[in-house]
């Protein structure tokens, strides 16, 4: 997965329009900064000649980056000088502070509108694609246990220590009752526990291996 960052510097008067357009297209996460600078236009009404703008940063996957950039430019363009710029840069790694897990493709969305961008006419074929995609997502979620969603699914294989027959079965039974767990199993040969769970509904600590080893010791 290739993560991109779209950085846009736009006329501050167009900020609300751009923010609304992003939300309408399913882009819920972005950061806004007040910035000032100077390009082809010089603000002769200020002492330093700088122009005040707003900077928007959006993290997304590579297939959506150019779409988001074009959306921002189309929305912010009012045919005036010094309207700003849009840049797309690569991101080596991206982690969410909550859960301390790396970003996944499903964390980023861009939804095409039901109206063609050039004619404004209803695009029935695309509407059908959106409906089909939504139905597929619902069916995918139904493949999991209650409390587990496909876009929040985390799979981990952790090695445990001091595992014995008398404590592994109670451990598996204990974990299996947790809300948000999709599946759990233990490989006795490898001494590893396999976990699949919803990272939102089941808040396992990032140091889950240490946490589970404490449970093993407790159940001895």
C-alpha atoms as a PDB file:
ATOM      1  CA  UNK A   1       0.000   0.000   0.000  1.00  0.00           C
ATOM      2  CA  UNK A   2       1.374   3.423  -1.013  1.00  0.00           C
ATOM      3  CA  UNK A   3       0.380   6.304   1.262  1.00  0.00           C
ATOM      4  CA  UNK A   4       0.320   9.825  -0.152  1.00  0.00           C
ATOM      5  CA  UNK A   5      -0.086  13.232   1.449  1.00  0.00           C
ATOM      6  CA  UNK A   6      -2.012  15.872  -0.464  1.00  0.00           C
ATOM      7  CA  UNK A   7      -1.012  19.361   0.647  1.00  0.00           C
ATOM      8  CA  UNK A   8      -3.084  22.257  -0.656  1.00  0.00           C
ATOM      9  CA  UNK A   9      -2.605  25.978  -0.080  1.00  0.00           C
ATOM     10  CA  UNK A  10      -5.794  27.785  -1.004  1.00  0.00           C
ATOM     11  CA  UNK A  11      -7.579  31.105  -0.702  1.00  0.00           C
ATOM     12  CA  UNK A  12      -8.921  31.222   2.848  1.00  0.00           C
ATOM     13  CA  UNK A  13     -12.296  32.397   1.538  1.00  0.00           C
ATOM     14  CA  UNK A  14     -12.696  28.993  -0.184  1.00  0.00           C
ATOM     15  CA  UNK A  15     -11.885  26.911   2.895  1.00  0.00           C
ATOM     16  CA  UNK A  16     -15.487  26.067   3.812  1.00  0.00           C
ATOM     17  CA  UNK A  17     -16.304  25.088   0.221  1.00  0.00           C
ATOM     18  CA  UNK A  18     -13.267  22.807  -0.017  1.00  0.00           C
ATOM     19  CA  UNK A  19     -13.886  21.237   3.398  1.00  0.00           C
ATOM     20  CA  UNK A  20     -17.525  20.547   2.492  1.00  0.00           C
ATOM     21  CA  UNK A  21     -16.517  19.066  -0.876  1.00  0.00           C
ATOM     22  CA  UNK A  22     -14.039  16.722   0.807  1.00  0.00           C
ATOM     23  CA  UNK A  23     -16.659  15.536   3.297  1.00  0.00           C
ATOM     24  CA  UNK A  24     -19.216  15.010   0.517  1.00  0.00           C
ATOM     25  CA  UNK A  25     -16.709  12.733  -1.221  1.00  0.00           C
ATOM     26  CA  UNK A  26     -16.101  10.643   1.888  1.00  0.00           C
ATOM     27  CA  UNK A  27     -12.826  12.296   2.918  1.00  0.00           C
ATOM     28  CA  UNK A  28     -13.391  12.769   6.649  1.00  0.00           C
ATOM     29  CA  UNK A  29      -9.851  13.305   7.899  1.00  0.00           C
ATOM     30  CA  UNK A  30      -7.816  16.397   7.085  1.00  0.00           C
ATOM     31  CA  UNK A  31      -5.722  19.014   8.880  1.00  0.00           C
ATOM     32  CA  UNK A  32      -5.990  22.784   8.404  1.00  0.00           C
ATOM     33  CA  UNK A  33      -3.252  25.338   9.100  1.00  0.00           C
ATOM     34  CA  UNK A  34      -3.213  29.137   8.711  1.00  0.00           C
ATOM     35  CA  UNK A  35      -0.261  30.087   6.490  1.00  0.00           C
ATOM     36  CA  UNK A  36       1.118  33.162   4.776  1.00  0.00           C
ATOM     37  CA  UNK A  37       3.484  33.501   1.854  1.00  0.00           C
ATOM     38  CA  UNK A  38       4.201  35.063  -1.471  1.00  0.00           C
ATOM     39  CA  UNK A  39       3.875  33.770  -5.009  1.00  0.00           C
ATOM     40  CA  UNK A  40       3.156  35.534  -8.286  1.00  0.00           C
ATOM     41  CA  UNK A  41       0.910  37.972  -6.434  1.00  0.00           C
ATOM     42  CA  UNK A  42       2.233  40.487  -3.920  1.00  0.00           C
ATOM     43  CA  UNK A  43      -0.113  41.908  -1.326  1.00  0.00           C
ATOM     44  CA  UNK A  44       0.729  45.584  -1.616  1.00  0.00           C
ATOM     45  CA  UNK A  45      -1.695  46.381   1.203  1.00  0.00           C
ATOM     46  CA  UNK A  46       0.491  44.610   3.784  1.00  0.00           C
ATOM     47  CA  UNK A  47       3.877  45.741   5.049  1.00  0.00           C
ATOM     48  CA  UNK A  48       5.615  42.471   4.217  1.00  0.00           C
ATOM     49  CA  UNK A  49       3.744  41.786   0.956  1.00  0.00           C
ATOM     50  CA  UNK A  50       2.591  38.379   2.186  1.00  0.00           C
ATOM     51  CA  UNK A  51      -0.757  36.811   1.376  1.00  0.00           C
ATOM     52  CA  UNK A  52      -2.774  34.907   3.983  1.00  0.00           C
ATOM     53  CA  UNK A  53      -3.953  31.461   2.926  1.00  0.00           C
ATOM     54  CA  UNK A  54      -5.151  28.197   4.442  1.00  0.00           C
ATOM     55  CA  UNK A  55      -3.202  24.954   4.135  1.00  0.00           C
ATOM     56  CA  UNK A  56      -5.035  21.626   4.032  1.00  0.00           C
ATOM     57  CA  UNK A  57      -3.284  18.276   4.492  1.00  0.00           C
ATOM     58  CA  UNK A  58      -4.964  14.999   3.548  1.00  0.00           C
ATOM     59  CA  UNK A  59      -3.468  11.529   3.953  1.00  0.00           C
ATOM     60  CA  UNK A  60      -4.788   8.943   1.529  1.00  0.00           C
ATOM     61  CA  UNK A  61      -3.823   6.034  -0.711  1.00  0.00           C
ATOM     62  CA  UNK A  62      -2.161   6.662  -4.055  1.00  0.00           C
ATOM     63  CA  UNK A  63      -5.235   5.823  -6.160  1.00  0.00           C
ATOM     64  CA  UNK A  64      -7.219   8.579  -4.415  1.00  0.00           C
ATOM     65  CA  UNK A  65      -4.510  11.244  -4.213  1.00  0.00           C
ATOM     66  CA  UNK A  66      -4.941  12.735  -7.697  1.00  0.00           C
ATOM     67  CA  UNK A  67      -8.744  12.653  -7.315  1.00  0.00           C
ATOM     68  CA  UNK A  68      -8.536  14.616  -4.085  1.00  0.00           C
ATOM     69  CA  UNK A  69      -6.059  17.073  -5.595  1.00  0.00           C
ATOM     70  CA  UNK A  70      -8.333  17.710  -8.577  1.00  0.00           C
ATOM     71  CA  UNK A  71     -11.364  18.109  -6.324  1.00  0.00           C
ATOM     72  CA  UNK A  72      -9.567  20.719  -4.221  1.00  0.00           C
ATOM     73  CA  UNK A  73      -8.375  22.641  -7.283  1.00  0.00           C
ATOM     74  CA  UNK A  74     -11.793  22.582  -8.935  1.00  0.00           C
ATOM     75  CA  UNK A  75     -13.512  23.778  -5.761  1.00  0.00           C
ATOM     76  CA  UNK A  76     -10.966  26.433  -4.798  1.00  0.00           C
ATOM     77  CA  UNK A  77     -10.474  27.924  -8.264  1.00  0.00           C
ATOM     78  CA  UNK A  78     -12.276  31.268  -8.643  1.00  0.00           C
ATOM     79  CA  UNK A  79     -10.073  32.595 -11.476  1.00  0.00           C
ATOM     80  CA  UNK A  80      -7.981  34.906  -9.307  1.00  0.00           C
ATOM     81  CA  UNK A  81      -4.228  35.358  -8.982  1.00  0.00           C
ATOM     82  CA  UNK A  82      -2.409  33.817  -6.026  1.00  0.00           C
ATOM     83  CA  UNK A  83      -4.968  31.072  -5.432  1.00  0.00           C
ATOM     84  CA  UNK A  84      -2.338  28.707  -4.103  1.00  0.00           C
ATOM     85  CA  UNK A  85      -1.032  25.285  -5.073  1.00  0.00           C
ATOM     86  CA  UNK A  86      -1.510  21.553  -4.522  1.00  0.00           C
ATOM     87  CA  UNK A  87       1.300  19.055  -3.938  1.00  0.00           C
ATOM     88  CA  UNK A  88       1.259  15.258  -3.664  1.00  0.00           C
ATOM     89  CA  UNK A  89       4.098  13.648  -1.729  1.00  0.00           C
ATOM     90  CA  UNK A  90       4.892  10.087  -0.662  1.00  0.00           C
ATOM     91  CA  UNK A  91       4.706   8.943   2.969  1.00  0.00           C
ATOM     92  CA  UNK A  92       7.023   6.163   4.163  1.00  0.00           C
ATOM     93  CA  UNK A  93       4.889   5.023   7.101  1.00  0.00           C
ATOM     94  CA  UNK A  94       1.634   6.143   8.726  1.00  0.00           C
ATOM     95  CA  UNK A  95       0.414   5.022  12.151  1.00  0.00           C
ATOM     96  CA  UNK A  96      -2.670   5.868  14.189  1.00  0.00           C
ATOM     97  CA  UNK A  97      -1.793   6.983  17.709  1.00  0.00           C
ATOM     98  CA  UNK A  98      -4.928   5.216  18.970  1.00  0.00           C
ATOM     99  CA  UNK A  99      -4.152   1.469  19.105  1.00  0.00           C
ATOM    100  CA  UNK A 100      -0.644   2.256  17.760  1.00  0.00           C
ATOM    101  CA  UNK A 101      -1.378   0.354  14.556  1.00  0.00           C
ATOM    102  CA  UNK A 102      -0.376   1.115  10.956  1.00  0.00           C
ATOM    103  CA  UNK A 103      -2.926   2.617   8.605  1.00  0.00           C
ATOM    104  CA  UNK A 104      -4.798   0.276   6.254  1.00  0.00           C
ATOM    105  CA  UNK A 105      -6.288   0.796   2.793  1.00  0.00           C
ATOM    106  CA  UNK A 106      -9.784   0.666   4.265  1.00  0.00           C
ATOM    107  CA  UNK A 107      -8.976   3.708   6.431  1.00  0.00           C
ATOM    108  CA  UNK A 108      -9.062   5.950   3.367  1.00  0.00           C
ATOM    109  CA  UNK A 109     -12.049   6.563   1.140  1.00  0.00           C
ATOM    110  CA  UNK A 110     -13.016   8.708  -1.800  1.00  0.00           C
ATOM    111  CA  UNK A 111     -16.597   8.456  -3.041  1.00  0.00           C
ATOM    112  CA  UNK A 112     -17.543   9.649  -6.505  1.00  0.00           C
ATOM    113  CA  UNK A 113     -20.682  11.755  -6.545  1.00  0.00           C
ATOM    114  CA  UNK A 114     -23.796  10.617  -8.366  1.00  0.00           C
ATOM    115  CA  UNK A 115     -23.515  13.498 -10.796  1.00  0.00           C
ATOM    116  CA  UNK A 116     -21.016  13.612 -13.608  1.00  0.00           C
ATOM    117  CA  UNK A 117     -18.388  16.262 -12.951  1.00  0.00           C
ATOM    118  CA  UNK A 118     -18.660  17.773 -16.435  1.00  0.00           C
ATOM    119  CA  UNK A 119     -22.358  17.638 -17.327  1.00  0.00           C
ATOM    120  CA  UNK A 120     -23.944  17.554 -13.874  1.00  0.00           C
ATOM    121  CA  UNK A 121     -26.286  14.824 -15.100  1.00  0.00           C
ATOM    122  CA  UNK A 122     -27.190  11.817 -13.023  1.00  0.00           C
ATOM    123  CA  UNK A 123     -24.768   8.971 -13.553  1.00  0.00           C
ATOM    124  CA  UNK A 124     -26.879   5.862 -13.120  1.00  0.00           C
ATOM    125  CA  UNK A 125     -24.092   3.391 -13.851  1.00  0.00           C
ATOM    126  CA  UNK A 126     -21.903   4.864 -11.155  1.00  0.00           C
ATOM    127  CA  UNK A 127     -24.805   4.912  -8.697  1.00  0.00           C
ATOM    128  CA  UNK A 128     -25.194   1.199  -9.325  1.00  0.00           C
ATOM    129  CA  UNK A 129     -21.502   0.664  -8.551  1.00  0.00           C
ATOM    130  CA  UNK A 130     -21.811   2.526  -5.242  1.00  0.00           C
ATOM    131  CA  UNK A 131     -24.880   0.510  -4.228  1.00  0.00           C
ATOM    132  CA  UNK A 132     -23.127  -2.731  -5.175  1.00  0.00           C
ATOM    133  CA  UNK A 133     -20.035  -1.726  -3.218  1.00  0.00           C
ATOM    134  CA  UNK A 134     -22.150  -0.932  -0.158  1.00  0.00           C
ATOM    135  CA  UNK A 135     -23.957  -4.267  -0.401  1.00  0.00           C
ATOM    136  CA  UNK A 136     -20.635  -6.106  -0.690  1.00  0.00           C
ATOM    137  CA  UNK A 137     -19.320  -4.329   2.405  1.00  0.00           C
ATOM    138  CA  UNK A 138     -22.424  -5.292   4.401  1.00  0.00           C
ATOM    139  CA  UNK A 139     -22.094  -8.908   3.298  1.00  0.00           C
ATOM    140  CA  UNK A 140     -18.388  -8.873   4.175  1.00  0.00           C
ATOM    141  CA  UNK A 141     -19.169  -7.635   7.696  1.00  0.00           C
ATOM    142  CA  UNK A 142     -21.761 -10.401   8.052  1.00  0.00           C
ATOM    143  CA  UNK A 143     -18.978 -12.936   7.467  1.00  0.00           C
ATOM    144  CA  UNK A 144     -17.612 -12.020  10.904  1.00  0.00           C
ATOM    145  CA  UNK A 145     -18.900 -12.407  14.440  1.00  0.00           C
ATOM    146  CA  UNK A 146     -21.028  -9.740  16.103  1.00  0.00           C
ATOM    147  CA  UNK A 147     -18.950  -6.703  16.965  1.00  0.00           C
ATOM    148  CA  UNK A 148     -16.410  -7.271  14.195  1.00  0.00           C
ATOM    149  CA  UNK A 149     -16.232  -5.128  11.067  1.00  0.00           C
ATOM    150  CA  UNK A 150     -14.054  -5.828   8.058  1.00  0.00           C
ATOM    151  CA  UNK A 151     -12.452  -2.376   8.011  1.00  0.00           C
ATOM    152  CA  UNK A 152     -11.418  -2.664  11.692  1.00  0.00           C
ATOM    153  CA  UNK A 153     -10.174  -6.255  11.538  1.00  0.00           C
ATOM    154  CA  UNK A 154      -6.705  -6.906  12.952  1.00  0.00           C
ATOM    155  CA  UNK A 155      -4.921 -10.275  12.723  1.00  0.00           C
ATOM    156  CA  UNK A 156      -2.017 -11.052  15.051  1.00  0.00           C
ATOM    157  CA  UNK A 157       0.076 -14.164  15.778  1.00  0.00           C
ATOM    158  CA  UNK A 158       1.845 -13.974  19.130  1.00  0.00           C
ATOM    159  CA  UNK A 159       4.291 -16.400  20.728  1.00  0.00           C
ATOM    160  CA  UNK A 160       3.475 -17.361  24.315  1.00  0.00           C
ATOM    161  CA  UNK A 161       5.672 -18.833  27.030  1.00  0.00           C
ATOM    162  CA  UNK A 162       5.052 -21.344  29.831  1.00  0.00           C
ATOM    163  CA  UNK A 163       2.063 -22.759  27.990  1.00  0.00           C
ATOM    164  CA  UNK A 164       0.669 -26.047  29.278  1.00  0.00           C
ATOM    165  CA  UNK A 165      -2.397 -28.102  28.498  1.00  0.00           C
ATOM    166  CA  UNK A 166      -4.016 -27.090  31.784  1.00  0.00           C
ATOM    167  CA  UNK A 167      -3.788 -23.354  31.130  1.00  0.00           C
ATOM    168  CA  UNK A 168      -4.103 -22.944  27.359  1.00  0.00           C
ATOM    169  CA  UNK A 169      -7.686 -24.224  27.156  1.00  0.00           C
ATOM    170  CA  UNK A 170      -8.956 -21.832  29.883  1.00  0.00           C
ATOM    171  CA  UNK A 171      -7.052 -19.013  28.167  1.00  0.00           C
ATOM    172  CA  UNK A 172      -8.672 -19.732  24.785  1.00  0.00           C
ATOM    173  CA  UNK A 173     -12.089 -19.969  26.438  1.00  0.00           C
ATOM    174  CA  UNK A 174     -11.536 -16.693  28.286  1.00  0.00           C
ATOM    175  CA  UNK A 175     -10.436 -14.822  25.152  1.00  0.00           C
ATOM    176  CA  UNK A 176     -13.187 -16.343  23.029  1.00  0.00           C
ATOM    177  CA  UNK A 177     -15.817 -14.642  25.214  1.00  0.00           C
ATOM    178  CA  UNK A 178     -14.443 -11.149  24.548  1.00  0.00           C
ATOM    179  CA  UNK A 179     -16.734  -8.858  22.578  1.00  0.00           C
ATOM    180  CA  UNK A 180     -15.107  -7.857  19.296  1.00  0.00           C
ATOM    181  CA  UNK A 181     -13.167 -11.106  18.898  1.00  0.00           C
ATOM    182  CA  UNK A 182     -13.564 -12.845  15.536  1.00  0.00           C
ATOM    183  CA  UNK A 183     -11.475 -15.956  16.072  1.00  0.00           C
ATOM    184  CA  UNK A 184      -8.806 -17.373  18.351  1.00  0.00           C
ATOM    185  CA  UNK A 185      -6.723 -20.540  18.112  1.00  0.00           C
ATOM    186  CA  UNK A 186      -3.482 -21.909  19.473  1.00  0.00           C
ATOM    187  CA  UNK A 187      -0.700 -23.652  17.563  1.00  0.00           C
ATOM    188  CA  UNK A 188       0.815 -26.036  20.090  1.00  0.00           C
ATOM    189  CA  UNK A 189       3.832 -26.831  17.917  1.00  0.00           C
ATOM    190  CA  UNK A 190       4.757 -23.182  17.362  1.00  0.00           C
ATOM    191  CA  UNK A 191       3.419 -22.074  20.787  1.00  0.00           C
ATOM    192  CA  UNK A 192       1.724 -19.144  19.106  1.00  0.00           C
ATOM    193  CA  UNK A 193      -1.769 -17.817  19.569  1.00  0.00           C
ATOM    194  CA  UNK A 194      -3.721 -16.597  16.542  1.00  0.00           C
ATOM    195  CA  UNK A 195      -6.050 -13.647  17.130  1.00  0.00           C
ATOM    196  CA  UNK A 196      -8.438 -11.913  14.751  1.00  0.00           C
ATOM    197  CA  UNK A 197     -10.414  -9.077  16.313  1.00  0.00           C
ATOM    198  CA  UNK A 198     -12.046  -5.698  15.798  1.00  0.00           C
ATOM    199  CA  UNK A 199      -9.495  -3.079  16.876  1.00  0.00           C
ATOM    200  CA  UNK A 200     -12.266  -0.619  17.784  1.00  0.00           C
ATOM    201  CA  UNK A 201     -14.455  -2.874  19.923  1.00  0.00           C
ATOM    202  CA  UNK A 202     -11.691  -4.974  21.466  1.00  0.00           C
ATOM    203  CA  UNK A 203      -9.030  -2.786  23.007  1.00  0.00           C
ATOM    204  CA  UNK A 204      -6.120  -5.196  23.343  1.00  0.00           C
ATOM    205  CA  UNK A 205      -2.964  -3.369  24.411  1.00  0.00           C
ATOM    206  CA  UNK A 206      -0.236  -2.956  21.813  1.00  0.00           C
ATOM    207  CA  UNK A 207       1.956  -5.127  24.065  1.00  0.00           C
ATOM    208  CA  UNK A 208      -0.640  -7.912  23.813  1.00  0.00           C
ATOM    209  CA  UNK A 209       2.050 -10.591  23.924  1.00  0.00           C
ATOM    210  CA  UNK A 210       3.091  -9.525  27.431  1.00  0.00           C
ATOM    211  CA  UNK A 211      -0.562  -9.185  28.438  1.00  0.00           C
ATOM    212  CA  UNK A 212      -1.402 -12.723  27.279  1.00  0.00           C
ATOM    213  CA  UNK A 213       1.666 -14.203  28.966  1.00  0.00           C
ATOM    214  CA  UNK A 214       0.455 -12.672  32.240  1.00  0.00           C
ATOM    215  CA  UNK A 215      -2.906 -14.346  31.675  1.00  0.00           C
ATOM    216  CA  UNK A 216      -1.170 -17.674  31.047  1.00  0.00           C
ATOM    217  CA  UNK A 217       0.752 -17.338  34.305  1.00  0.00           C
ATOM    218  CA  UNK A 218      -2.431 -16.398  36.150  1.00  0.00           C
ATOM    219  CA  UNK A 219      -4.226 -19.485  34.856  1.00  0.00           C
ATOM    220  CA  UNK A 220      -1.467 -21.925  35.886  1.00  0.00           C
END
